[in-house]
C-alpha cells in the first residue's frame, strides 16, 4: 500500500475523536507498516476501498493539480455504481 493511504487512514483515525480510541489501540496490534484492507460488498460486487481512494486521488490530481491534500472524504454508493469524493472542498465523482 502506498504511504498516502496509510496517511489517510491515520488522519481519519486522528480526526474521529475519542470514540475511536479502541480502533487506535487495535491499530497498535498490527505490525509496523501494516494497513488494514477495507472492502464494501453489494450483491455480487466487491470494492476495495484503498483502490477507490487511489482512483479518487488520481482523478483529483489530474483534474485540479497536485496541490497538497488537506481533506479527503469518500462516499461509496453501490446502488448508484458511483463513488463520490470531496477533496480540499472540491466535489466530484467516479464510476465504480
Protein backbone atom coordinates (compact mmCIF):
# COMPACT_ATOMS: atom_id res chain seq x y z
CA UNK A 1 0.00 0.00 0.00
CA UNK A 2 1.17 3.48 -0.69
CA UNK A 3 2.14 5.93 2.02
CA UNK A 4 -0.77 8.21 1.05
CA UNK A 5 -3.29 5.51 2.01
CA UNK A 6 -1.62 4.98 5.39
CA UNK A 7 -1.57 8.74 5.95
CA UNK A 8 -5.26 8.98 5.01
CA UNK A 9 -6.16 6.16 7.42
CA UNK A 10 -4.07 7.71 10.22
CA UNK A 11 -5.65 11.14 9.60
CA UNK A 12 -9.15 9.66 9.66
CA UNK A 13 -8.47 7.95 12.98
CA UNK A 14 -6.99 11.14 14.46
CA UNK A 15 -9.97 13.27 13.36
CA UNK A 16 -12.53 10.75 14.63
CA UNK A 17 -12.07 11.70 18.24
CA UNK A 18 -12.17 9.73 21.47
CA UNK A 19 -14.84 7.22 20.43
CA UNK A 20 -12.23 5.58 18.21
CA UNK A 21 -9.63 5.09 20.93
CA UNK A 22 -10.31 1.36 20.72
CA UNK A 23 -9.57 1.48 16.98
CA UNK A 24 -6.28 3.22 17.70
CA UNK A 25 -5.46 0.58 20.31
CA UNK A 26 -6.34 -2.16 17.83
CA UNK A 27 -4.11 -0.47 15.26
CA UNK A 28 -1.16 -0.79 17.62
CA UNK A 29 -1.61 -4.56 17.48
CA UNK A 30 -0.67 -4.61 13.79
CA UNK A 31 2.89 -4.92 12.54
CA UNK A 32 4.65 -1.71 11.55
CA UNK A 33 3.62 -0.60 8.08
CA UNK A 34 0.55 -2.83 8.00
CA UNK A 35 -2.59 -1.16 6.66
CA UNK A 36 -5.94 -2.93 7.13
CA UNK A 37 -7.80 -3.86 3.98
CA UNK A 38 -11.35 -2.46 3.81
CA UNK A 39 -13.96 -3.64 1.32
CA UNK A 40 -17.55 -2.71 0.51
CA UNK A 41 -19.78 -5.52 -0.72
CA UNK A 42 -23.06 -5.13 -2.57
CA UNK A 43 -24.95 -8.02 -4.14
CA UNK A 44 -22.34 -9.82 -6.23
CA UNK A 45 -19.83 -6.98 -6.27
CA UNK A 46 -16.90 -6.12 -4.02
CA UNK A 47 -14.98 -2.84 -3.96
CA UNK A 48 -11.55 -2.34 -2.38
CA UNK A 49 -11.63 1.00 -0.52
CA UNK A 50 -7.87 1.50 -0.93
CA UNK A 51 -8.23 1.20 -4.71
CA UNK A 52 -11.17 3.62 -4.70
CA UNK A 53 -9.15 6.10 -2.63
CA UNK A 54 -6.21 5.89 -5.04
CA UNK A 55 -8.53 6.35 -8.04
CA UNK A 56 -10.17 9.41 -6.45
CA UNK A 57 -6.81 10.95 -5.55
CA UNK A 58 -5.50 10.34 -9.10
CA UNK A 59 -8.68 11.82 -10.62
CA UNK A 60 -8.45 14.87 -8.36
CA UNK A 61 -4.78 15.46 -9.19
CA UNK A 62 -5.41 15.03 -12.92
CA UNK A 63 -8.32 17.50 -12.93
CA UNK A 64 -7.27 20.02 -10.27
CA UNK A 65 -3.48 19.79 -9.99
CA UNK A 66 -1.15 18.37 -7.41
CA UNK A 67 -1.93 20.73 -4.55
CA UNK A 68 -1.37 19.42 -1.04
CA UNK A 69 -4.41 17.46 0.06
CA UNK A 70 -5.71 18.72 3.38
CA UNK A 71 -9.04 16.86 3.46
CA UNK A 72 -10.48 13.83 1.75
CA UNK A 73 -13.88 12.15 2.11
CA UNK A 74 -15.27 9.27 0.05
CA UNK A 75 -18.94 8.35 -0.20
CA UNK A 76 -19.39 4.93 -1.79
CA UNK A 77 -22.86 4.33 -3.23
CA UNK A 78 -23.04 0.87 -4.79
CA UNK A 79 -26.72 1.40 -5.65
CA UNK A 80 -25.63 4.30 -7.92
CA UNK A 81 -22.46 2.49 -9.07
CA UNK A 82 -20.61 5.66 -8.04
CA UNK A 83 -18.00 6.83 -5.57
CA UNK A 84 -18.40 10.49 -4.67
CA UNK A 85 -15.45 12.36 -3.22
CA UNK A 86 -14.74 15.69 -1.57
CA UNK A 87 -11.07 16.60 -1.65
CA UNK A 88 -9.97 20.03 -0.42
CA UNK A 89 -13.65 21.05 -0.52
CA UNK A 90 -13.95 20.14 -4.24
CA UNK A 91 -16.75 17.68 -5.00
CA UNK A 92 -16.58 15.16 -7.83
CA UNK A 93 -17.44 11.56 -8.62
CA UNK A 94 -16.21 8.44 -10.39
CA UNK A 95 -17.99 5.32 -11.59
CA UNK A 96 -17.38 2.18 -9.55
